[in-house]
């Protein structure tokens, strides 16, 4: 059984199309669990209509609004206990074979060892609000690496939550997602990288819709526009780096006793970076591999970290 966790907040504009794409998957052994986070539009009405029509496929969990996608997904994750779990945003469209392809790779990576924490993620096709193609590869569009070691993942996430499948072993290893994590997908990928396996399917399995209401979204990560955007938001960039240190400290607190000695040293050094002088920061980044994917990002990292 594959459980798809769908987090909703004021998603009426695209929600129906997304749910239909989930119901049209080539894998039949799925269930969809939805949690609305206090929508003021007709999202709940749309959800209730689907629940009435597909009671064997769709269920809802309720609770007080959390105020963030991260916490909404955390509540969803804590509510389920199935072999395989996927995460779904409210405004995208999944290709019909998304679950089938991801599950096939998951079972290959597990290789009969269901105690191995595993995370599978995929590429995405970036589209506009009307599903017109912007880029057929999110990784190319964002200039991201398909694979990242733990050192690199501490400073930059390459996993997009709406493409992710995890197994029961990874959910159990993660436990409760702490408030210090930046996003649930980043935290899950850190745990899987440290204690299990992460594998990326390099072909797109869904349309990643870009519109004015995106909480995260995709923006081209190259050229003059990218540089101007970063220069205009230097305060936000520094805030984001500080968030990675807080996340690393939480990871060290939660899993320090389980880490290999070299992993422990890696986490400890990353947490110490804010207290270093500029020269020592750069030296530490280079020594331990705390480097972002592109040369342009790395230059900015040297300046702003």
Protein backbone atom coordinates (compact mmCIF):
# COMPACT_ATOMS: atom_id res chain seq x y z
CA UNK A 1 0.00 0.00 0.00
CA UNK A 2 1.20 3.50 -0.91
CA UNK A 3 -0.21 6.40 1.08
CA UNK A 4 -0.21 9.83 -0.55
CA UNK A 5 -0.26 12.72 1.92
CA UNK A 6 -1.92 15.84 0.47
CA UNK A 7 -1.53 19.10 2.40
CA UNK A 8 -4.14 21.75 1.54
CA UNK A 9 -4.56 25.44 2.27
CA UNK A 10 -6.75 27.71 0.12
CA UNK A 11 -6.14 25.48 -2.87
CA UNK A 12 -9.52 25.55 -4.60
CA UNK A 13 -8.14 26.87 -7.91
CA UNK A 14 -6.04 23.80 -8.75
CA UNK A 15 -7.04 21.19 -6.16
CA UNK A 16 -9.59 19.30 -8.26
CA UNK A 17 -7.12 18.77 -11.11
CA UNK A 18 -4.45 17.53 -8.72
CA UNK A 19 -6.70 15.04 -6.93
CA UNK A 20 -7.89 13.69 -10.29
CA UNK A 21 -4.26 13.09 -11.30
CA UNK A 22 -3.78 11.05 -8.12
CA UNK A 23 -6.88 8.98 -8.79
CA UNK A 24 -5.65 8.29 -12.34
CA UNK A 25 -2.42 6.59 -11.24
CA UNK A 26 -1.52 3.28 -12.89
CA UNK A 27 -1.03 1.76 -9.42
CA UNK A 28 -4.37 0.89 -7.82
CA UNK A 29 -3.12 -0.01 -4.34
CA UNK A 30 -3.00 3.58 -3.08
CA UNK A 31 -4.87 5.72 -0.61
CA UNK A 32 -4.95 9.49 -0.32
CA UNK A 33 -4.95 11.20 3.08
CA UNK A 34 -5.80 14.91 3.05
CA UNK A 35 -5.42 17.55 5.74
CA UNK A 36 -6.77 21.06 5.27
CA UNK A 37 -4.98 23.71 7.32
CA UNK A 38 -7.91 26.09 7.86
CA UNK A 39 -8.78 27.16 4.31
CA UNK A 40 -11.16 30.10 3.86
CA UNK A 41 -12.03 29.22 0.24
CA UNK A 42 -13.94 26.20 -1.11
CA UNK A 43 -11.08 23.71 -0.60
CA UNK A 44 -12.98 21.78 2.09
CA UNK A 45 -16.05 21.53 -0.17
CA UNK A 46 -13.92 20.09 -2.99
CA UNK A 47 -12.30 17.61 -0.59
CA UNK A 48 -15.64 16.50 0.84
CA UNK A 49 -17.03 15.94 -2.65
CA UNK A 50 -14.11 13.65 -3.56
CA UNK A 51 -14.41 11.81 -0.23
CA UNK A 52 -18.09 11.13 -0.92
CA UNK A 53 -17.37 9.81 -4.40
CA UNK A 54 -14.23 7.83 -3.52
CA UNK A 55 -14.59 6.72 0.13
CA UNK A 56 -12.35 3.70 -0.43
CA UNK A 57 -9.50 5.87 -1.74
CA UNK A 58 -9.66 9.19 0.11
CA UNK A 59 -9.78 10.04 3.80
CA UNK A 60 -9.36 13.24 5.79
CA UNK A 61 -7.69 14.08 9.07
CA UNK A 62 -8.64 17.22 10.96
CA UNK A 63 -7.11 19.47 13.58
CA UNK A 64 -6.29 23.02 14.49
CA UNK A 65 -4.55 25.06 11.76
CA UNK A 66 -0.75 24.87 11.98
CA UNK A 67 -0.03 27.92 9.86
CA UNK A 68 2.62 26.34 7.64
CA UNK A 69 3.02 23.67 4.96
CA UNK A 70 5.87 22.15 6.96
CA UNK A 71 3.73 21.57 10.04
CA UNK A 72 0.73 20.49 7.96
CA UNK A 73 2.86 17.76 6.38
CA UNK A 74 4.30 16.87 9.80
CA UNK A 75 0.77 16.30 11.12
CA UNK A 76 -0.07 14.18 8.09
CA UNK A 77 3.09 12.12 8.47
CA UNK A 78 2.44 11.44 12.15
CA UNK A 79 -1.03 10.13 11.29
CA UNK A 80 0.01 7.27 8.99
CA UNK A 81 1.94 4.05 9.36
CA UNK A 82 2.14 2.41 5.95
CA UNK A 83 4.96 0.71 4.08
CA UNK A 84 5.41 3.55 1.58
CA UNK A 85 4.49 7.22 1.90
CA UNK A 86 4.45 10.00 -0.70
CA UNK A 87 3.97 13.74 -0.30
CA UNK A 88 1.72 15.84 -2.53
CA UNK A 89 1.16 19.58 -3.00
CA UNK A 90 -2.27 20.91 -3.87
CA UNK A 91 -1.49 22.72 -7.12
CA UNK A 92 0.54 20.35 -9.30
CA UNK A 93 -0.37 17.54 -11.71
CA UNK A 94 1.14 14.07 -11.43
CA UNK A 95 1.89 11.96 -14.48
CA UNK A 96 -0.17 8.73 -14.42
CA UNK A 97 2.87 6.50 -13.83
CA UNK A 98 4.51 8.62 -11.09
CA UNK A 99 3.67 6.23 -8.26
CA UNK A 100 4.49 3.15 -10.33
CA UNK A 101 7.93 4.39 -11.39
CA UNK A 102 8.87 5.63 -7.93
CA UNK A 103 7.70 2.45 -6.21
CA UNK A 104 9.70 0.32 -8.66
CA UNK A 105 12.91 2.18 -7.81
CA UNK A 106 12.10 2.08 -4.09
CA UNK A 107 11.79 -1.72 -4.12
CA UNK A 108 15.02 -2.07 -6.09
CA UNK A 109 16.92 0.12 -3.62
CA UNK A 110 15.46 -1.71 -0.62
CA UNK A 111 16.56 -5.02 -2.21
CA UNK A 112 14.52 -6.98 0.31
CA UNK A 113 15.92 -5.02 3.27
CA UNK A 114 12.94 -3.08 4.59
CA UNK A 115 14.98 -1.99 7.62
CA UNK A 116 17.05 0.31 5.38
CA UNK A 117 15.76 3.92 5.50
CA UNK A 118 15.16 4.93 1.88
CA UNK A 119 14.05 8.12 0.15
CA UNK A 120 13.33 8.26 -3.58
CA UNK A 121 12.78 11.59 -5.31
CA UNK A 122 12.42 12.62 -8.93
CA UNK A 123 12.86 15.40 -11.44
CA UNK A 124 9.96 17.71 -12.28
CA UNK A 125 8.70 19.55 -15.35
CA UNK A 126 8.37 23.24 -14.46
CA UNK A 127 5.15 24.75 -15.87
CA UNK A 128 3.21 28.01 -15.56
CA UNK A 129 -0.24 28.36 -14.01
CA UNK A 130 -1.87 27.07 -17.20
CA UNK A 131 0.52 24.08 -17.40
CA UNK A 132 2.55 25.55 -20.26
CA UNK A 133 6.10 24.19 -20.16
CA UNK A 134 8.81 26.46 -18.73
CA UNK A 135 11.50 23.79 -18.35
CA UNK A 136 11.42 20.03 -18.78
CA UNK A 137 13.96 19.65 -15.95
CA UNK A 138 13.71 21.33 -12.55
CA UNK A 139 17.30 20.30 -11.84
CA UNK A 140 18.57 22.09 -14.94
CA UNK A 141 16.35 25.10 -14.28
CA UNK A 142 17.60 25.42 -10.69
CA UNK A 143 21.18 24.32 -11.47
CA UNK A 144 20.98 21.56 -8.85
CA UNK A 145 22.99 18.36 -8.44
CA UNK A 146 21.09 15.08 -8.70
CA UNK A 147 23.15 13.59 -5.87
CA UNK A 148 24.54 15.27 -2.75
CA UNK A 149 26.71 13.97 0.10
CA UNK A 150 25.74 14.88 3.66
CA UNK A 151 28.25 17.75 3.71
CA UNK A 152 26.60 19.46 0.76
CA UNK A 153 23.06 18.67 1.87
CA UNK A 154 23.63 20.55 5.11
CA UNK A 155 23.84 23.83 3.21
CA UNK A 156 21.56 23.21 0.20
CA UNK A 157 18.56 20.95 -0.37
CA UNK A 158 18.09 19.18 -3.70
CA UNK A 159 14.97 17.20 -2.75
CA UNK A 160 11.53 18.54 -3.68
CA UNK A 161 8.93 17.19 -1.28
CA UNK A 162 6.15 16.66 -3.81
CA UNK A 163 8.33 14.13 -5.66
CA UNK A 164 9.29 12.11 -2.58
CA UNK A 165 8.52 8.56 -1.55
CA UNK A 166 9.84 7.22 1.77
CA UNK A 167 9.60 3.79 3.32
CA UNK A 168 8.43 2.84 6.81
CA UNK A 169 12.03 2.47 8.04
CA UNK A 170 12.81 6.11 7.21
CA UNK A 171 9.62 7.37 8.86
CA UNK A 172 10.44 5.42 12.01
CA UNK A 173 14.03 6.69 12.03
CA UNK A 174 12.94 10.31 11.64
CA UNK A 175 10.47 10.26 14.50
CA UNK A 176 8.77 13.61 15.07
CA UNK A 177 9.96 16.36 12.74
CA UNK A 178 11.39 19.18 14.90
CA UNK A 179 10.41 22.83 14.57
CA UNK A 180 14.02 23.71 13.65
CA UNK A 181 13.84 21.83 10.36
CA UNK A 182 13.51 24.17 7.39
CA UNK A 183 11.15 21.91 5.45
CA UNK A 184 10.03 18.33 5.96
CA UNK A 185 11.65 17.19 2.69
CA UNK A 186 15.05 18.58 3.71
CA UNK A 187 14.90 16.87 7.10
CA UNK A 188 13.88 13.54 5.60
CA UNK A 189 16.68 13.71 3.04
CA UNK A 190 19.25 14.46 5.77
CA UNK A 191 18.13 11.41 7.78
CA UNK A 192 18.09 9.16 4.72
CA UNK A 193 21.53 10.36 3.61
CA UNK A 194 23.06 9.81 7.05
CA UNK A 195 21.48 6.44 7.83
CA UNK A 196 20.19 4.90 4.62
CA UNK A 197 19.91 5.61 0.90
CA UNK A 198 18.69 8.46 -1.30
CA UNK A 199 18.14 7.91 -5.00
CA UNK A 200 16.93 10.35 -7.64
CA UNK A 201 14.93 9.46 -10.75
CA UNK A 202 16.31 11.87 -13.32
CA UNK A 203 13.19 12.04 -15.47
CA UNK A 204 10.22 14.24 -14.58
CA UNK A 205 7.23 12.49 -13.02
CA UNK A 206 4.95 15.50 -12.61
CA UNK A 207 4.15 19.05 -13.66
CA UNK A 208 5.37 21.53 -11.02
CA UNK A 209 2.99 24.47 -11.37
CA UNK A 210 4.37 27.99 -10.82
CA UNK A 211 1.93 30.73 -9.86
CA UNK A 212 1.65 33.76 -7.60
CA UNK A 213 0.65 31.66 -4.60
CA UNK A 214 3.62 29.26 -4.52
CA UNK A 215 5.10 28.95 -1.02
CA UNK A 216 8.47 27.76 -2.35
CA UNK A 217 8.42 27.47 -6.14
CA UNK A 218 11.10 27.47 -8.80
CA UNK A 219 13.06 30.44 -10.13
CA UNK A 220 15.84 30.32 -12.69
CA UNK A 221 19.15 30.05 -10.83
CA UNK A 222 21.49 31.59 -13.37
CA UNK A 223 22.14 34.83 -15.22
CA UNK A 224 21.79 38.49 -14.34
CA UNK A 225 18.25 38.12 -13.00
CA UNK A 226 19.46 35.57 -10.44
CA UNK A 227 22.27 37.90 -9.28
CA UNK A 228 19.90 40.88 -9.00
CA UNK A 229 17.38 38.83 -7.03
CA UNK A 230 20.02 37.72 -4.54
CA UNK A 231 21.44 41.24 -4.14
CA UNK A 232 17.95 42.56 -3.44
CA UNK A 233 17.35 39.97 -0.71
CA UNK A 234 20.68 39.79 1.14
CA UNK A 235 18.97 39.88 4.53
CA UNK A 236 16.79 36.93 3.58
CA UNK A 237 19.81 35.01 2.25
CA UNK A 238 21.68 35.44 5.56
CA UNK A 239 18.54 34.43 7.45
CA UNK A 240 18.38 31.26 5.36
CA UNK A 241 21.99 30.38 6.19
CA UNK A 242 21.23 30.85 9.89
CA UNK A 243 18.28 28.50 9.49
CA UNK A 244 20.62 25.80 8.12
CA UNK A 245 22.79 26.10 11.24
CA UNK A 246 19.74 25.73 13.50
CA UNK A 247 18.61 22.71 11.50
CA UNK A 248 22.06 21.12 11.74
CA UNK A 249 22.13 21.67 15.52
CA UNK A 250 18.74 19.97 15.83
CA UNK A 251 19.98 17.08 13.71
CA UNK A 252 23.07 16.71 15.89
CA UNK A 253 20.93 16.80 19.03
CA UNK A 254 18.47 14.21 17.72
CA UNK A 255 20.91 11.79 16.07
CA UNK A 256 24.38 12.56 17.44
CA UNK A 257 24.64 9.23 19.27
CA UNK A 258 23.79 7.31 16.07
CA UNK A 259 26.23 9.06 13.74
CA UNK A 260 29.53 7.66 12.54
CA UNK A 261 32.54 9.58 13.97
CA UNK A 262 33.22 11.34 10.65
CA UNK A 263 29.54 12.31 10.33
CA UNK A 264 29.53 13.66 13.88
CA UNK A 265 32.58 15.78 13.15
CA UNK A 266 30.96 17.05 9.95
CA UNK A 267 27.81 18.19 11.77
CA UNK A 268 29.81 19.71 14.62
CA UNK A 269 32.01 21.74 12.26
CA UNK A 270 29.03 23.01 10.30
CA UNK A 271 27.37 24.19 13.49
CA UNK A 272 30.53 26.08 14.45
CA UNK A 273 30.75 28.12 11.22
CA UNK A 274 28.77 31.17 12.49
CA UNK A 275 31.39 31.74 15.21
CA UNK A 276 34.37 31.66 12.82
CA UNK A 277 36.21 34.54 11.17
CA UNK A 278 35.79 34.91 7.41
CA UNK A 279 39.10 33.21 6.56
CA UNK A 280 38.34 30.21 8.78
CA UNK A 281 34.79 29.95 7.38
CA UNK A 282 36.11 29.65 3.83
CA UNK A 283 38.78 27.17 4.91
CA UNK A 284 36.17 25.03 6.69
CA UNK A 285 33.76 25.13 3.74
CA UNK A 286 36.50 23.89 1.43
CA UNK A 287 37.91 21.29 3.83
CA UNK A 288 34.60 19.62 4.67
CA UNK A 289 32.80 20.13 1.37
CA UNK A 290 30.07 22.47 2.60
CA UNK A 291 29.70 23.78 -0.95
CA UNK A 292 26.66 24.78 -2.95
CA UNK A 293 26.21 23.38 -6.45
CA UNK A 294 27.32 26.20 -8.74
CA UNK A 295 30.35 28.48 -8.81
CA UNK A 296 28.11 31.55 -8.56
CA UNK A 297 26.34 30.18 -5.48
CA UNK A 298 29.68 29.22 -3.94
CA UNK A 299 31.05 32.75 -4.36
CA UNK A 300 27.93 34.11 -2.66
CA UNK A 301 28.38 31.51 0.07
CA UNK A 302 31.95 32.66 0.76
CA UNK A 303 30.71 36.24 1.06
CA UNK A 304 27.52 35.76 3.07
CA UNK A 305 28.07 32.76 5.35
